């Protein structure tokens, strides 16, 4: 039997990165309200979602014996905290535009509170590992080809690029906690990816349409936008549909996130940030290095 190839990147905590989000126009994705609000709706989930991930991992922190995993968990927590801070700033931009961000977050936190209080630690770490699998795949999907985010504003593209890099770096941390100390049944592990996927994209589409309503678009206009815009994400050749094979790998008994290659231009982002100290320049170099 051939050995399974593993691809790994070490988590690095980067803080105080400025993406100049206050300078971003309202419809920053090629002046397309639907695509803009879909990404905005996804971003809305991140700050409190990252805090939920941290809490889920902390439930097992005292049980971890492996020094390497202990360090990776510590770096994971610090990285996720920084993601929350950055996406909080993006949420503030949306609030300034009149979006009901606080209402979205209140509902989201009720869900996370319920999960942590009413579900088992094993269920929560499995949900976290599944969400990390999803976000790592989205990072690969959005940035592997230049065309995907060509119309996105460079500052927001840079924000998501930094997030993508760090998702690659810690994509296996919650998974390893789940496997090494979580003792999560296979049936739970498989179920949580399907459930996480339904929740993430269901809420994203819902929030997108609520925000479009606040933007002043009528019900008919929103319907037209959904009909036209959703295939870009979920159609036969949609952006997210392209990650289906790697997505399904999760359901293999011997799956591990490190079996998927780290995005090809990872080193370009790291080197550019080291040379310039500017995450926007690093994000631009990262995007430019993608396949045409």
Protein backbone atom coordinates (compact mmCIF):
# COMPACT_ATOMS: atom_id res chain seq x y z
CA UNK A 1 0.00 0.00 0.00
CA UNK A 2 1.32 3.46 -0.88
CA UNK A 3 1.99 5.85 1.98
CA UNK A 4 -0.40 8.79 2.23
CA UNK A 5 1.35 12.05 1.36
CA UNK A 6 0.95 14.77 3.99
CA UNK A 7 1.15 18.53 3.44
CA UNK A 8 1.57 20.77 6.45
CA UNK A 9 2.19 24.43 7.26
CA UNK A 10 3.08 25.72 10.71
CA UNK A 11 0.63 28.16 12.35
CA UNK A 12 2.11 31.65 12.74
CA UNK A 13 0.31 34.32 14.77
CA UNK A 14 0.14 37.68 12.96
CA UNK A 15 -1.49 40.66 14.62
CA UNK A 16 -2.28 44.35 14.05
CA UNK A 17 -2.79 43.93 10.31
CA UNK A 18 -4.51 46.89 8.66
CA UNK A 19 -6.69 46.20 5.60
CA UNK A 20 -8.07 49.77 5.28
CA UNK A 21 -11.63 48.45 5.22
CA UNK A 22 -13.09 51.92 5.78
CA UNK A 23 -11.93 52.80 2.26
CA UNK A 24 -13.85 49.96 0.61
CA UNK A 25 -16.93 50.89 -1.48
CA UNK A 26 -20.39 49.62 -0.54
CA UNK A 27 -20.58 47.02 -3.31
CA UNK A 28 -16.94 46.03 -3.36
CA UNK A 29 -17.24 42.94 -5.55
CA UNK A 30 -17.30 44.43 -9.04
CA UNK A 31 -20.24 46.68 -8.07
CA UNK A 32 -22.32 43.48 -7.80
CA UNK A 33 -24.65 43.73 -4.79
CA UNK A 34 -25.40 40.00 -4.61
CA UNK A 35 -21.81 38.72 -4.65
CA UNK A 36 -20.78 41.48 -2.27
CA UNK A 37 -23.46 40.65 0.25
CA UNK A 38 -22.83 36.89 -0.03
CA UNK A 39 -19.22 37.44 1.02
CA UNK A 40 -20.30 40.00 3.62
CA UNK A 41 -22.78 37.48 5.03
CA UNK A 42 -20.06 34.85 5.22
CA UNK A 43 -17.73 37.32 6.94
CA UNK A 44 -20.44 38.13 9.49
CA UNK A 45 -20.18 34.60 10.84
CA UNK A 46 -16.45 34.69 11.44
CA UNK A 47 -15.90 36.75 14.62
CA UNK A 48 -18.32 34.84 16.82
CA UNK A 49 -17.77 31.63 14.90
CA UNK A 50 -14.03 31.85 15.65
CA UNK A 51 -14.81 32.41 19.33
CA UNK A 52 -17.02 29.33 19.31
CA UNK A 53 -14.17 27.31 17.75
CA UNK A 54 -11.83 28.51 20.50
CA UNK A 55 -14.29 27.49 23.20
CA UNK A 56 -14.81 24.08 21.58
CA UNK A 57 -11.07 23.35 21.49
CA UNK A 58 -10.58 24.60 25.05
CA UNK A 59 -13.00 21.93 26.27
CA UNK A 60 -10.21 19.40 25.57
CA UNK A 61 -7.11 21.51 26.23
CA UNK A 62 -6.32 19.96 29.63
CA UNK A 63 -6.49 16.45 28.16
CA UNK A 64 -3.83 17.03 25.50
CA UNK A 65 -0.53 15.37 26.34
CA UNK A 66 1.37 15.82 23.08
CA UNK A 67 3.59 18.96 23.40
CA UNK A 68 3.42 19.66 19.66
CA UNK A 69 -0.38 19.59 19.63
CA UNK A 70 -0.46 21.75 22.76
CA UNK A 71 1.58 24.41 20.97
CA UNK A 72 -0.50 24.16 17.81
CA UNK A 73 -3.68 24.58 19.87
CA UNK A 74 -2.22 27.69 21.53
CA UNK A 75 -1.34 29.14 18.10
CA UNK A 76 -4.75 28.14 16.73
CA UNK A 77 -6.48 30.05 19.53
CA UNK A 78 -4.35 33.15 18.96
CA UNK A 79 -4.87 33.03 15.19
CA UNK A 80 -8.62 32.65 15.55
CA UNK A 81 -8.72 35.55 17.99
CA UNK A 82 -6.98 37.75 15.41
CA UNK A 83 -9.46 36.67 12.73
CA UNK A 84 -12.29 37.71 15.01
CA UNK A 85 -10.76 41.16 15.52
CA UNK A 86 -10.27 41.74 11.78
CA UNK A 87 -13.74 40.60 10.79
CA UNK A 88 -15.26 42.65 13.63
CA UNK A 89 -13.87 45.67 11.74
CA UNK A 90 -15.57 44.49 8.56
CA UNK A 91 -18.79 44.01 10.52
CA UNK A 92 -18.51 47.61 11.72
CA UNK A 93 -18.29 48.78 8.12
CA UNK A 94 -21.54 46.90 7.40
CA UNK A 95 -23.17 48.41 10.50
CA UNK A 96 -22.19 51.88 9.27
CA UNK A 97 -23.97 51.02 6.01
CA UNK A 98 -27.19 50.33 7.93
CA UNK A 99 -27.01 46.55 8.01
CA UNK A 100 -28.68 44.71 10.98
CA UNK A 101 -25.36 43.21 12.10
CA UNK A 102 -26.21 43.20 15.81
CA UNK A 103 -29.41 41.22 15.18
CA UNK A 104 -27.52 38.65 13.12
CA UNK A 105 -24.88 38.27 15.83
CA UNK A 106 -27.44 37.95 18.64
CA UNK A 107 -29.12 35.07 16.82
CA UNK A 108 -25.79 33.47 16.04
CA UNK A 109 -24.65 33.63 19.65
CA UNK A 110 -27.89 32.01 20.82
CA UNK A 111 -27.08 29.07 18.56
CA UNK A 112 -23.48 28.79 19.80
CA UNK A 113 -24.61 29.10 23.43
CA UNK A 114 -27.12 26.30 22.90
CA UNK A 115 -24.52 24.07 21.25
CA UNK A 116 -21.97 24.55 24.03
CA UNK A 117 -24.47 24.11 26.86
CA UNK A 118 -26.75 21.42 25.45
CA UNK A 119 -24.47 19.37 23.21
CA UNK A 120 -21.55 17.18 24.21
CA UNK A 121 -17.92 18.38 23.97
CA UNK A 122 -17.42 15.66 21.34
CA UNK A 123 -20.19 17.13 19.19
CA UNK A 124 -18.75 20.65 19.48
CA UNK A 125 -15.19 19.68 18.58
CA UNK A 126 -16.55 17.71 15.62
CA UNK A 127 -18.51 20.77 14.47
CA UNK A 128 -15.38 22.87 14.78
CA UNK A 129 -13.22 20.40 12.86
CA UNK A 130 -15.88 20.21 10.14
CA UNK A 131 -16.10 24.01 9.87
CA UNK A 132 -12.32 24.23 9.62
CA UNK A 133 -12.42 21.71 6.78
CA UNK A 134 -14.98 23.85 4.97
CA UNK A 135 -13.11 27.12 5.42
CA UNK A 136 -9.80 25.59 4.31
CA UNK A 137 -11.47 24.30 1.15
CA UNK A 138 -13.05 27.69 0.49
CA UNK A 139 -9.62 29.30 0.90
CA UNK A 140 -8.24 26.98 -1.77
CA UNK A 141 -11.26 27.44 -4.04
CA UNK A 142 -11.37 31.24 -3.92
CA UNK A 143 -7.63 31.75 -4.47
CA UNK A 144 -6.41 28.89 -6.66
CA UNK A 145 -7.49 30.73 -9.84
CA UNK A 146 -7.08 34.45 -10.45
CA UNK A 147 -10.39 34.79 -12.25
CA UNK A 148 -12.48 33.88 -9.18
CA UNK A 149 -11.82 37.08 -7.23
CA UNK A 150 -10.67 39.29 -10.11
CA UNK A 151 -13.52 41.76 -9.55
CA UNK A 152 -13.12 41.92 -5.76
CA UNK A 153 -11.69 45.08 -4.17
CA UNK A 154 -7.97 44.52 -3.39
CA UNK A 155 -8.37 45.42 0.30
CA UNK A 156 -11.15 42.88 0.95
CA UNK A 157 -9.37 40.35 -1.25
CA UNK A 158 -6.31 40.87 0.95
CA UNK A 159 -8.34 40.34 4.13
CA UNK A 160 -9.71 37.05 2.89
CA UNK A 161 -6.24 36.07 1.57
CA UNK A 162 -4.71 36.46 5.04
CA UNK A 163 -7.58 34.47 6.51
CA UNK A 164 -7.07 31.80 3.81
CA UNK A 165 -3.36 31.52 4.61
CA UNK A 166 -4.01 30.95 8.30
CA UNK A 167 -6.81 28.48 7.61
CA UNK A 168 -4.23 26.48 5.67
CA UNK A 169 -1.85 26.68 8.61
CA UNK A 170 -4.24 25.44 11.29
CA UNK A 171 -6.76 23.41 9.27
CA UNK A 172 -5.78 20.17 11.07
CA UNK A 173 -5.59 21.41 14.69
CA UNK A 174 -9.22 20.89 15.72
CA UNK A 175 -9.23 17.66 13.71
CA UNK A 176 -6.22 16.34 15.65
CA UNK A 177 -7.79 17.34 18.97
CA UNK A 178 -10.95 15.52 17.91
CA UNK A 179 -9.00 12.40 16.93
CA UNK A 180 -6.40 12.30 19.72
CA UNK A 181 -8.46 13.20 22.78
CA UNK A 182 -12.04 13.79 21.61
CA UNK A 183 -12.97 10.15 20.99
CA UNK A 184 -15.66 11.29 18.56
CA UNK A 185 -17.70 8.51 16.89
CA UNK A 186 -17.31 8.28 13.12
CA UNK A 187 -21.04 8.77 12.66
CA UNK A 188 -20.85 12.10 14.55
CA UNK A 189 -17.81 13.25 12.60
CA UNK A 190 -19.53 12.59 9.28
CA UNK A 191 -22.86 14.08 10.33
CA UNK A 192 -21.33 17.35 11.55
CA UNK A 193 -19.83 18.23 8.17
CA UNK A 194 -23.19 17.82 6.43
CA UNK A 195 -24.96 19.79 9.18
CA UNK A 196 -22.29 22.52 9.33
CA UNK A 197 -22.48 22.93 5.55
CA UNK A 198 -26.27 23.29 5.62
CA UNK A 199 -26.13 25.81 8.47
CA UNK A 200 -23.29 27.88 7.04
CA UNK A 201 -24.69 28.30 3.57
CA UNK A 202 -28.33 28.44 4.66
CA UNK A 203 -27.64 31.33 7.02
CA UNK A 204 -25.34 33.00 4.47
CA UNK A 205 -28.06 33.09 1.82
CA UNK A 206 -30.64 34.27 4.37
CA UNK A 207 -28.43 37.11 5.63
CA UNK A 208 -27.54 38.08 2.07
CA UNK A 209 -31.19 38.66 1.23
CA UNK A 210 -31.87 40.55 4.46
CA UNK A 211 -28.96 42.88 3.69
CA UNK A 212 -30.10 43.36 0.10
CA UNK A 213 -33.50 44.36 1.48
CA UNK A 214 -31.78 46.96 3.67
CA UNK A 215 -29.91 48.12 0.57
CA UNK A 216 -33.29 49.04 -0.86
CA UNK A 217 -33.85 46.21 -3.34
CA UNK A 218 -37.43 44.97 -3.79
CA UNK A 219 -38.48 41.35 -3.31
CA UNK A 220 -38.62 40.88 -7.10
CA UNK A 221 -35.17 42.41 -7.55
CA UNK A 222 -33.77 40.14 -4.83
CA UNK A 223 -35.33 37.10 -6.50
CA UNK A 224 -33.69 38.05 -9.80
CA UNK A 225 -30.35 38.53 -8.03
CA UNK A 226 -30.58 35.07 -6.44
CA UNK A 227 -31.46 33.40 -9.73
CA UNK A 228 -28.56 35.08 -11.45
CA UNK A 229 -26.04 35.02 -8.61
CA UNK A 230 -26.41 31.65 -6.85
CA UNK A 231 -25.11 29.60 -9.82
CA UNK A 232 -21.80 31.50 -9.54
CA UNK A 233 -21.41 29.87 -6.12
CA UNK A 234 -23.34 26.60 -6.35
CA UNK A 235 -24.04 25.89 -10.04
CA UNK A 236 -22.71 22.93 -12.02
CA UNK A 237 -19.49 24.83 -12.64
CA UNK A 238 -19.89 27.12 -9.64
CA UNK A 239 -17.01 28.37 -7.55
CA UNK A 240 -17.91 26.30 -4.49
CA UNK A 241 -19.06 23.29 -6.53
CA UNK A 242 -15.45 22.86 -7.66
CA UNK A 243 -14.40 21.80 -4.17
CA UNK A 244 -16.82 18.85 -4.12
CA UNK A 245 -14.20 16.11 -4.45
CA UNK A 246 -12.04 17.39 -1.60
CA UNK A 247 -15.19 18.04 0.40
CA UNK A 248 -16.23 14.38 0.05
CA UNK A 249 -12.80 13.18 1.18
CA UNK A 250 -13.95 14.01 4.73
CA UNK A 251 -16.23 10.97 4.67
CA UNK A 252 -13.34 8.54 4.09
CA UNK A 253 -12.42 6.60 7.20
CA UNK A 254 -8.68 7.38 6.93
CA UNK A 255 -9.09 11.07 6.02
CA UNK A 256 -6.82 13.73 7.49
CA UNK A 257 -6.75 17.41 6.39
CA UNK A 258 -3.01 17.23 5.70
CA UNK A 259 -3.74 14.89 2.78
CA UNK A 260 -4.80 17.98 0.81
CA UNK A 261 -1.98 20.14 -0.59
CA UNK A 262 -1.45 23.60 0.86
CA UNK A 263 -2.43 26.23 -1.71
CA UNK A 264 0.35 26.57 -4.32
CA UNK A 265 1.16 30.25 -3.79
CA UNK A 266 1.29 30.03 0.03
CA UNK A 267 5.01 30.89 0.13
CA UNK A 268 4.42 33.99 -2.02
CA UNK A 269 2.13 35.50 0.62
CA UNK A 270 4.47 34.65 3.50
CA UNK A 271 7.55 36.04 1.73
CA UNK A 272 5.80 39.24 0.61
CA UNK A 273 4.52 39.96 4.12
CA UNK A 274 8.00 39.38 5.56
CA UNK A 275 9.53 41.76 3.01
CA UNK A 276 6.92 44.54 3.13
CA UNK A 277 5.05 44.16 6.42
CA UNK A 278 1.96 45.08 4.41
CA UNK A 279 -0.89 42.53 4.31
CA UNK A 280 -2.49 44.32 1.35
CA UNK A 281 0.67 43.92 -0.75
CA UNK A 282 0.95 40.32 0.42
CA UNK A 283 -2.67 39.69 -0.56
CA UNK A 284 -2.15 41.23 -3.98
CA UNK A 285 1.00 39.16 -4.62
CA UNK A 286 -0.83 36.05 -3.43
CA UNK A 287 -3.74 36.69 -5.81
CA UNK A 288 -1.46 37.59 -8.72
CA UNK A 289 0.42 34.30 -8.27
CA UNK A 290 -2.75 32.25 -8.76
CA UNK A 291 -3.39 30.35 -11.97
CA UNK A 292 -4.82 32.35 -14.89
